[in-house]
Amino acid sequence: MPHTQHQAPRDGELITAQEMAAALTKATLLYADGASQTFSRDGNRTAYVERGTHTEGTWEVLADGKFSSFWPPDYRADYVVRWIVQEDVRIGISFTEVRGGNRFDGLYR
């Protein structure tokens, strides 16, 4: 029987729609500016804390595999999400806005 080799994760590899929820809910994400973000395991809620200010929004995986977040009352943004990998270990998630191209890297805490 042929042996199938496990392929190591690659930095910058797209996170598929099928693995998105597990990737987002794995742990709290910590951003370079000190902000943190959590994604609920029991639905599509997210909480973001920046300099002591707590905001809540919702998230979803779009049919094309992109990530979308909504922050009331009217801010919505769509992102391409990729793995951040270091020494063959997935250590976080990189979000790149579809419009504007801004990039936000969150490392698992």
Protein backbone atom coordinates (compact mmCIF):
# COMPACT_ATOMS: atom_id res chain seq x y z
CA MET A 1 0.00 0.00 0.00
CA PRO A 2 1.52 3.38 -0.97
CA HIS A 3 2.40 5.75 1.83
CA THR A 4 0.81 9.22 1.54
CA GLN A 5 3.04 11.95 2.79
CA HIS A 6 1.59 14.71 4.95
CA GLN A 7 2.17 18.05 3.31
CA ALA A 8 3.44 20.73 5.68
CA PRO A 9 1.34 23.89 5.81
CA ARG A 10 2.73 26.80 3.81
CA ASP A 11 2.88 30.43 4.90
CA GLY A 12 0.37 32.46 2.88
CA GLU A 13 -1.70 29.42 1.92
CA LEU A 14 -5.40 30.23 1.51
CA ILE A 15 -7.69 29.04 4.29
CA THR A 16 -10.46 27.08 2.60
CA ALA A 17 -14.15 27.64 3.32
CA GLN A 18 -14.23 24.16 4.90
CA GLU A 19 -11.49 24.95 7.43
CA MET A 20 -12.43 28.60 8.07
CA ALA A 21 -14.60 28.12 11.18
CA ALA A 22 -12.02 25.89 12.86
CA ALA A 23 -9.22 28.34 12.00
CA LEU A 24 -11.14 31.34 13.38
CA THR A 25 -12.30 29.69 16.60
CA LYS A 26 -9.02 27.91 17.42
CA ALA A 27 -7.83 30.65 19.81
CA THR A 28 -7.88 34.37 20.51
CA LEU A 29 -6.07 36.37 17.82
CA LEU A 30 -3.59 39.02 18.93
CA TYR A 31 -2.69 41.84 16.52
CA ALA A 32 0.56 43.85 16.38
CA ASP A 33 -1.13 46.94 17.85
CA GLY A 34 -2.18 44.98 20.95
CA ALA A 35 -5.81 44.52 19.91
CA SER A 36 -7.36 41.08 20.31
CA GLN A 37 -10.25 39.28 18.64
CA THR A 38 -12.26 36.17 19.42
CA PHE A 39 -14.74 34.27 17.28
CA SER A 40 -17.56 32.32 18.93
CA ARG A 41 -17.69 28.56 18.49
CA ASP A 42 -21.48 28.48 18.84
CA GLY A 43 -22.37 30.84 16.01
CA ASN A 44 -21.09 33.75 14.04
CA ARG A 45 -20.31 36.33 16.73
CA THR A 46 -16.97 38.07 17.09
CA ALA A 47 -15.57 40.40 19.75
CA TYR A 48 -12.73 42.88 19.22
CA VAL A 49 -10.90 44.65 22.03
CA GLU A 50 -8.65 47.61 21.29
CA ARG A 51 -7.15 49.79 24.04
CA GLY A 52 -9.86 48.66 26.46
CA THR A 53 -12.75 49.33 24.06
CA HIS A 54 -14.88 46.24 23.39
CA THR A 55 -16.95 45.96 20.19
CA GLU A 56 -19.04 43.08 18.90
CA GLY A 57 -19.95 42.05 15.40
CA THR A 58 -20.82 39.05 13.30
CA TRP A 59 -18.92 36.99 10.76
CA GLU A 60 -19.64 34.51 8.00
CA VAL A 61 -17.91 32.47 5.36
CA LEU A 62 -19.05 33.48 1.88
CA ALA A 63 -19.79 30.94 -0.85
CA ASP A 64 -16.54 31.79 -2.65
CA GLY A 65 -14.49 31.04 0.48
CA LYS A 66 -13.91 34.63 1.54
CA PHE A 67 -14.53 35.87 5.07
CA SER A 68 -17.03 38.65 5.77
CA SER A 69 -17.47 40.65 8.97
CA PHE A 70 -20.19 43.09 9.98
CA TRP A 71 -19.83 45.69 12.73
CA PRO A 72 -23.02 47.54 13.64
CA PRO A 73 -24.42 49.86 12.72
CA ASP A 74 -23.18 49.71 9.12
CA TYR A 75 -19.57 48.57 8.60
CA ARG A 76 -19.08 45.46 6.47
CA ALA A 77 -15.81 44.20 5.03
CA ASP A 78 -14.85 41.11 3.04
CA TYR A 79 -11.43 39.49 3.33
CA VAL A 80 -9.23 36.87 1.75
CA VAL A 81 -7.76 34.84 4.61
CA ARG A 82 -4.46 33.02 4.64
CA TRP A 83 -2.45 31.01 7.12
CA ILE A 84 0.54 32.50 8.91
CA VAL A 85 3.00 29.62 9.23
CA GLN A 86 6.28 29.48 11.08
CA GLU A 87 8.46 26.35 11.20
CA ASP A 88 5.64 24.23 9.70
CA VAL A 89 3.17 25.34 12.40
CA ARG A 90 0.06 27.45 11.75
CA ILE A 91 0.51 30.30 14.21
CA GLY A 92 -2.16 32.72 13.01
CA ILE A 93 -4.35 34.17 10.30
CA SER A 94 -3.76 36.99 7.82
CA PHE A 95 -6.81 38.95 6.67
CA THR A 96 -6.53 41.03 3.46
CA GLU A 97 -9.44 43.32 2.59
CA VAL A 98 -10.96 42.62 -0.81
CA ARG A 99 -11.48 46.38 -1.27
CA GLY A 100 -8.48 48.47 -0.36
CA GLY A 101 -6.03 45.63 0.23
CA ASN A 102 -5.35 46.46 3.90
CA ARG A 103 -3.80 43.51 5.69
CA PHE A 104 -4.28 42.50 9.30
CA ASP A 105 -2.23 39.68 10.84
CA GLY A 106 -3.54 37.97 13.95
CA LEU A 107 -1.41 35.49 15.85
CA TYR A 108 -2.94 32.78 18.01
CA ARG A 109 -2.58 33.58 21.69
